[in-house]
């Protein structure tokens, strides 16, 4: 079977491998679609702190069941999606239902080989029927679920002012689900093309990062700033800067992760009685939230899917997604 391997930072190659052996309790999947995520770009760039090379990337996927146990909840031919966070089920986080931050977590495409391949065998409990959505839509559930999880974690409510810093796919997901909760959402980014996309397809206000952005955000909020600020930049400077946008009594949610230290002024943070939250991955509840929104037509999935490529073309086409001036939001790989 064809697989695409990230041999080392900046190096992708095709490799012909034997199909995986399906162990008891696993489901053998014929991969259909794979979404390219910021995590994959960080892996390619050498900026993913939890990974060892070489690695088959890809954790956003839809597939068709090829083989399963006789008593499994899925059968050959079923269209499915995968929750790619393989949790242990017994650690302190899992015992509280927080499988997204399992102590022993193994994320497909990060800690073990992922979906940029033709066949993949996955423990059955992480495979779910993709009912009422297309294979394209099913491959987009995961990044949307990360945004939905962050919004749920912040307990965003109707009428709140929300700022999302970073208008990439994860940031857009947070905007979408904050919008669905009735919040007043603003996005902040350096790129005018991304801001224009968010205005048109996500339905939010947008401000470009620049010398006057703080004044502009202050004017929009009567000087009070934002009840909830989300960082989805993956940029340490932006993460540190985001503290100044928190309203008194507000929350700051870090969705993105970078190797390094987040620093802030304690007096400024303390006087606001602000709340700092990390948001990692997503749970089954978040995937269900996304599925319901997708089935109801509330997600602009066709607009979000800006690029496509075949599995065999990934080594040549993937690097192009990172070139300056690219307008990619979500690229899908057809396997």
Protein backbone atom coordinates (compact mmCIF):
# COMPACT_ATOMS: atom_id res chain seq x y z
CA UNK A 1 0.00 0.00 0.00
CA UNK A 2 1.09 3.58 -0.58
CA UNK A 3 2.13 5.65 2.44
CA UNK A 4 3.63 9.13 2.68
CA UNK A 5 6.28 9.56 5.36
CA UNK A 6 7.76 12.69 6.89
CA UNK A 7 11.31 11.38 7.13
CA UNK A 8 12.64 14.48 8.88
CA UNK A 9 11.71 18.17 8.92
CA UNK A 10 11.18 19.31 5.34
CA UNK A 11 11.46 15.80 3.86
CA UNK A 12 8.39 13.89 2.58
CA UNK A 13 8.63 10.67 0.60
CA UNK A 14 6.37 7.95 -0.76
CA UNK A 15 6.87 4.39 0.46
CA UNK A 16 5.24 1.10 -0.47
CA UNK A 17 4.37 -0.77 2.72
CA UNK A 18 2.58 -3.95 3.64
CA UNK A 19 -1.01 -3.32 4.78
CA UNK A 20 -1.31 -3.34 8.59
CA UNK A 21 -2.35 -6.47 10.45
CA UNK A 22 -5.71 -5.97 12.14
CA UNK A 23 -5.55 -7.16 15.75
CA UNK A 24 -8.62 -8.34 17.64
CA UNK A 25 -10.60 -5.34 18.82
CA UNK A 26 -9.37 -3.18 15.96
CA UNK A 27 -11.01 -1.99 12.75
CA UNK A 28 -9.12 -2.04 9.46
CA UNK A 29 -9.93 1.09 7.51
CA UNK A 30 -9.57 1.99 3.86
CA UNK A 31 -8.70 5.66 4.23
CA UNK A 32 -10.84 7.96 2.06
CA UNK A 33 -9.97 11.56 2.96
CA UNK A 34 -7.35 13.19 5.16
CA UNK A 35 -7.42 16.81 6.26
CA UNK A 36 -4.13 18.68 6.39
CA UNK A 37 -3.84 20.50 9.71
CA UNK A 38 -1.56 23.06 11.30
CA UNK A 39 -0.12 20.19 13.35
CA UNK A 40 1.00 18.51 10.12
CA UNK A 41 2.63 21.75 9.01
CA UNK A 42 4.41 22.02 12.36
CA UNK A 43 5.64 18.43 11.94
CA UNK A 44 6.90 19.20 8.45
CA UNK A 45 8.61 22.36 9.76
CA UNK A 46 10.14 20.62 12.78
CA UNK A 47 8.10 22.54 15.37
CA UNK A 48 5.95 19.79 16.93
CA UNK A 49 7.17 19.13 20.49
CA UNK A 50 5.60 15.67 20.94
CA UNK A 51 6.90 13.88 17.83
CA UNK A 52 9.75 11.61 16.77
CA UNK A 53 10.69 11.13 13.10
CA UNK A 54 10.10 9.40 10.77
CA UNK A 55 6.30 9.67 10.96
CA UNK A 56 3.27 9.11 8.75
CA UNK A 57 1.25 12.26 9.39
CA UNK A 58 -2.52 12.68 9.31
CA UNK A 59 -5.08 12.65 12.11
CA UNK A 60 -8.15 14.19 10.43
CA UNK A 61 -9.71 11.38 8.45
CA UNK A 62 -12.73 9.66 7.04
CA UNK A 63 -12.65 6.07 5.86
CA UNK A 64 -14.58 2.99 4.78
CA UNK A 65 -14.48 -0.05 7.04
CA UNK A 66 -12.57 -2.92 5.40
CA UNK A 67 -12.54 -5.44 8.26
CA UNK A 68 -13.89 -5.60 11.81
CA UNK A 69 -14.67 -8.14 14.52
CA UNK A 70 -17.94 -10.00 14.08
CA UNK A 71 -19.45 -8.27 17.13
CA UNK A 72 -18.14 -4.78 16.32
CA UNK A 73 -20.44 -1.74 16.12
CA UNK A 74 -19.32 -1.16 12.52
CA UNK A 75 -19.29 -3.52 9.54
CA UNK A 76 -17.37 -3.60 6.26
CA UNK A 77 -18.63 -0.88 3.94
CA UNK A 78 -19.58 1.58 6.69
CA UNK A 79 -18.42 5.17 6.24
CA UNK A 80 -16.69 6.28 9.44
CA UNK A 81 -14.65 8.99 11.11
CA UNK A 82 -11.95 8.46 13.71
CA UNK A 83 -11.33 10.20 17.01
CA UNK A 84 -7.54 10.23 16.65
CA UNK A 85 -6.70 10.66 20.35
CA UNK A 86 -6.06 7.10 21.51
CA UNK A 87 -6.67 7.35 25.25
CA UNK A 88 -5.88 4.72 27.88
CA UNK A 89 -9.24 4.82 29.69
CA UNK A 90 -7.72 4.41 33.16
CA UNK A 91 -5.58 7.46 34.02
CA UNK A 92 -6.70 10.39 36.19
CA UNK A 93 -7.92 12.35 33.15
CA UNK A 94 -9.78 9.44 31.55
CA UNK A 95 -11.48 8.61 34.85
CA UNK A 96 -12.95 12.12 34.77
CA UNK A 97 -14.07 11.79 31.16
CA UNK A 98 -11.23 14.05 29.95
CA UNK A 99 -9.95 11.58 27.39
CA UNK A 100 -8.70 14.50 25.30
CA UNK A 101 -5.84 15.08 27.77
CA UNK A 102 -5.16 11.45 28.72
CA UNK A 103 -1.83 11.04 30.55
CA UNK A 104 -0.89 8.22 28.17
CA UNK A 105 -2.45 9.67 25.01
CA UNK A 106 -1.26 8.50 21.61
CA UNK A 107 -2.42 10.78 18.81
CA UNK A 108 -2.56 9.32 15.32
CA UNK A 109 -0.05 11.05 13.07
CA UNK A 110 1.90 12.39 16.05
CA UNK A 111 2.75 9.65 18.57
CA UNK A 112 2.06 6.82 16.11
CA UNK A 113 1.69 6.63 12.35
CA UNK A 114 -1.40 8.31 10.97
CA UNK A 115 -3.69 8.47 7.99
CA UNK A 116 -1.56 9.51 4.99
CA UNK A 117 -1.70 5.92 3.85
CA UNK A 118 -4.17 3.64 2.10
CA UNK A 119 -5.01 1.37 5.05
CA UNK A 120 -4.98 1.99 8.79
CA UNK A 121 -5.90 -0.26 11.72
CA UNK A 122 -7.41 1.52 14.73
CA UNK A 123 -8.89 0.31 18.04
CA UNK A 124 -12.64 -0.02 17.51
CA UNK A 125 -13.68 2.35 20.31
CA UNK A 126 -12.21 5.30 18.40
CA UNK A 127 -14.09 4.53 15.16
CA UNK A 128 -17.56 6.04 14.71
CA UNK A 129 -20.17 5.89 11.96
CA UNK A 130 -20.28 9.01 9.81
CA UNK A 131 -24.05 9.16 9.52
CA UNK A 132 -25.68 12.03 7.69
CA UNK A 133 -22.44 13.58 6.44
CA UNK A 134 -20.25 13.10 3.37
CA UNK A 135 -16.74 11.65 3.43
CA UNK A 136 -15.38 15.16 2.87
CA UNK A 137 -17.38 16.49 5.82
CA UNK A 138 -16.39 13.57 8.04
CA UNK A 139 -12.71 14.34 7.43
CA UNK A 140 -13.31 17.90 8.65
CA UNK A 141 -14.96 16.96 11.95
CA UNK A 142 -11.76 16.81 13.99
CA UNK A 143 -10.47 20.34 13.54
CA UNK A 144 -13.97 21.71 14.02
CA UNK A 145 -14.30 19.66 17.21
CA UNK A 146 -11.16 21.30 18.60
CA UNK A 147 -12.82 24.69 18.19
CA UNK A 148 -16.08 23.40 19.66
CA UNK A 149 -14.20 22.00 22.66
CA UNK A 150 -12.44 25.31 23.32
CA UNK A 151 -15.75 27.18 23.18
CA UNK A 152 -17.39 24.68 25.52
CA UNK A 153 -14.41 24.84 27.86
CA UNK A 154 -14.77 28.63 28.05
CA UNK A 155 -18.54 28.27 28.56
CA UNK A 156 -19.22 30.98 25.99
CA UNK A 157 -22.75 32.38 26.26
CA UNK A 158 -25.05 34.57 24.19
CA UNK A 159 -24.15 38.23 24.11
CA UNK A 160 -20.58 37.81 25.30
CA UNK A 161 -17.80 39.57 23.44
CA UNK A 162 -15.37 37.01 22.05
CA UNK A 163 -12.01 37.65 20.37
CA UNK A 164 -10.28 34.91 18.38
CA UNK A 165 -6.64 35.66 17.62
CA UNK A 166 -5.52 33.65 14.60
CA UNK A 167 -7.76 33.11 11.58
CA UNK A 168 -6.53 29.67 10.60
CA UNK A 169 -8.80 26.61 10.52
CA UNK A 170 -8.79 26.08 14.30
CA UNK A 171 -9.45 29.76 14.92
CA UNK A 172 -12.30 29.68 12.41
CA UNK A 173 -13.74 26.64 14.19
CA UNK A 174 -13.75 28.54 17.48
CA UNK A 175 -15.41 31.50 15.75
CA UNK A 176 -18.11 29.29 14.25
CA UNK A 177 -19.08 27.64 17.52
CA UNK A 178 -18.91 30.86 19.52
CA UNK A 179 -21.23 32.34 16.89
CA UNK A 180 -23.61 29.42 17.24
CA UNK A 181 -23.83 30.19 20.97
CA UNK A 182 -24.89 33.76 20.19
CA UNK A 183 -21.65 35.53 21.07
CA UNK A 184 -20.42 38.73 19.40
CA UNK A 185 -17.29 37.43 17.69
CA UNK A 186 -14.29 39.35 16.39
CA UNK A 187 -11.19 37.85 14.78
CA UNK A 188 -7.69 39.32 14.79
CA UNK A 189 -5.05 38.28 12.26
CA UNK A 190 -2.22 39.66 10.15
CA UNK A 191 -3.64 38.54 6.80
CA UNK A 192 -6.35 40.57 5.12
CA UNK A 193 -7.33 37.64 2.88
CA UNK A 194 -8.08 35.50 5.95
CA UNK A 195 -10.00 38.33 7.57
CA UNK A 196 -12.07 38.81 4.41
CA UNK A 197 -12.80 35.07 4.35
CA UNK A 198 -13.96 35.19 7.98
CA UNK A 199 -16.22 38.16 7.34
CA UNK A 200 -17.84 36.45 4.35
CA UNK A 201 -18.05 32.81 5.38
CA UNK A 202 -17.85 32.78 9.18
CA UNK A 203 -19.93 35.90 9.83
CA UNK A 204 -17.66 37.72 12.28
CA UNK A 205 -16.12 41.15 12.66
CA UNK A 206 -12.45 41.31 11.73
CA UNK A 207 -9.47 43.49 12.65
CA UNK A 208 -6.03 43.36 11.07
CA UNK A 209 -3.02 43.25 13.38
CA UNK A 210 -1.13 46.51 13.14
CA UNK A 211 -0.06 49.62 15.01
CA UNK A 212 -3.65 50.66 15.77
CA UNK A 213 -5.27 47.29 16.49
CA UNK A 214 -5.48 47.79 20.27
CA UNK A 215 -7.21 51.14 19.81
CA UNK A 216 -9.59 49.62 17.26
CA UNK A 217 -10.51 46.73 19.57
CA UNK A 218 -10.95 49.15 22.46
CA UNK A 219 -13.28 51.31 20.37
CA UNK A 220 -15.35 48.27 19.36
CA UNK A 221 -15.90 47.31 23.00
CA UNK A 222 -16.24 50.69 24.68
CA UNK A 223 -12.82 50.16 26.23
CA UNK A 224 -13.93 47.01 28.03
CA UNK A 225 -12.29 44.48 25.67
CA UNK A 226 -13.43 40.83 25.57
CA UNK A 227 -15.17 38.42 27.90
CA UNK A 228 -13.34 35.53 26.27
CA UNK A 229 -10.12 35.62 24.24
CA UNK A 230 -8.99 32.56 22.28
CA UNK A 231 -5.47 32.18 20.94
CA UNK A 232 -5.19 29.97 17.87
CA UNK A 233 -1.98 31.38 16.40
CA UNK A 234 0.75 28.95 17.39
CA UNK A 235 2.93 32.04 17.84
CA UNK A 236 4.51 32.74 21.22
CA UNK A 237 4.55 36.51 20.73
CA UNK A 238 0.85 36.55 19.88
CA UNK A 239 0.08 34.30 22.86
CA UNK A 240 1.90 36.65 25.23
CA UNK A 241 0.27 39.71 23.66
CA UNK A 242 -3.24 38.30 23.98
CA UNK A 243 -3.42 38.92 27.73
CA UNK A 244 -4.03 42.64 27.15
CA UNK A 245 -7.31 41.91 25.36
CA UNK A 246 -8.98 40.19 28.34
CA UNK A 247 -11.83 42.11 29.98
CA UNK A 248 -11.95 42.40 33.75
CA UNK A 249 -13.41 39.10 34.93
CA UNK A 250 -12.68 37.53 31.55
CA UNK A 251 -11.08 34.33 30.30
CA UNK A 252 -8.09 33.57 28.09
CA UNK A 253 -8.08 30.21 26.33
CA UNK A 254 -4.89 28.89 24.74
CA UNK A 255 -5.84 26.46 21.97
CA UNK A 256 -2.50 26.51 20.18
CA UNK A 257 0.72 25.07 21.54
CA UNK A 258 4.31 26.14 20.98
CA UNK A 259 7.63 24.98 22.39
CA UNK A 260 8.46 27.75 24.82
CA UNK A 261 7.16 29.68 27.80
CA UNK A 262 4.07 31.88 27.97
CA UNK A 263 4.79 34.99 30.06
CA UNK A 264 2.53 37.77 31.32
CA UNK A 265 2.35 40.63 33.80
CA UNK A 266 0.94 39.27 37.03
CA UNK A 267 -0.40 42.65 38.23
CA UNK A 268 -2.30 43.12 34.95
CA UNK A 269 -3.62 39.55 35.08
CA UNK A 270 -4.45 39.70 38.79
CA UNK A 271 -6.34 43.00 38.71
CA UNK A 272 -8.65 41.52 36.07
CA UNK A 273 -9.24 38.37 38.15
CA UNK A 274 -8.79 36.68 34.78
CA UNK A 275 -8.99 32.95 34.13
CA UNK A 276 -6.32 31.23 32.04
CA UNK A 277 -7.36 27.96 30.37
CA UNK A 278 -5.62 25.44 28.18
CA UNK A 279 -7.72 23.63 25.59
CA UNK A 280 -6.43 20.39 24.11
CA UNK A 281 -7.98 18.18 21.45
CA UNK A 282 -11.68 17.27 21.82
CA UNK A 283 -14.03 14.69 23.32
CA UNK A 284 -16.85 12.58 21.91
CA UNK A 285 -19.30 15.26 23.09
CA UNK A 286 -17.53 17.85 20.94
CA UNK A 287 -17.59 15.61 17.87
CA UNK A 288 -21.34 15.17 18.37
CA UNK A 289 -21.77 18.95 18.59
CA UNK A 290 -19.98 19.33 15.26
CA UNK A 291 -21.97 16.53 13.64
CA UNK A 292 -25.25 18.15 14.65
CA UNK A 293 -24.14 21.51 13.26
CA UNK A 294 -22.85 19.91 10.06
CA UNK A 295 -26.09 18.00 9.47
CA UNK A 296 -28.08 21.18 10.10
CA UNK A 297 -26.12 23.04 7.42
CA UNK A 298 -24.57 25.49 9.87
CA UNK A 299 -20.96 24.82 8.84
CA UNK A 300 -19.64 26.35 5.56
CA UNK A 301 -17.67 23.20 4.80
CA UNK A 302 -17.49 23.71 1.04
CA UNK A 303 -15.98 27.17 1.52
CA UNK A 304 -13.55 25.87 4.14
CA UNK A 305 -12.24 23.16 1.79
CA UNK A 306 -10.05 25.32 -0.45
CA UNK A 307 -7.50 22.77 -1.73
CA UNK A 308 -7.39 19.10 -2.75
CA UNK A 309 -4.65 16.66 -3.71
CA UNK A 310 -4.13 12.95 -4.18
CA UNK A 311 -2.12 10.83 -1.74
CA UNK A 312 0.59 10.23 -4.33
CA UNK A 313 0.97 13.97 -4.89
CA UNK A 314 1.44 14.87 -1.21
CA UNK A 315 5.28 15.03 -1.32
CA UNK A 316 5.15 17.67 -4.06
CA UNK A 317 1.90 19.48 -3.22
CA UNK A 318 2.12 19.64 0.60
CA UNK A 319 5.10 22.07 0.67
CA UNK A 320 3.20 24.42 -1.66
CA UNK A 321 0.52 24.88 1.01
CA UNK A 322 3.10 26.66 3.15
CA UNK A 323 4.34 29.07 0.48
CA UNK A 324 3.78 32.80 1.07
CA UNK A 325 0.60 34.07 -0.51
CA UNK A 326 -1.24 30.75 -0.37
CA UNK A 327 -4.94 31.12 0.42
CA UNK A 328 -5.37 27.62 1.83
CA UNK A 329 -7.85 27.16 4.66
CA UNK A 330 -8.40 23.39 4.67
CA UNK A 331 -6.74 21.01 2.22
CA UNK A 332 -8.12 17.49 1.79
CA UNK A 333 -6.11 14.52 0.55
CA UNK A 334 -7.98 11.91 -1.50
CA UNK A 335 -6.50 8.51 -0.69
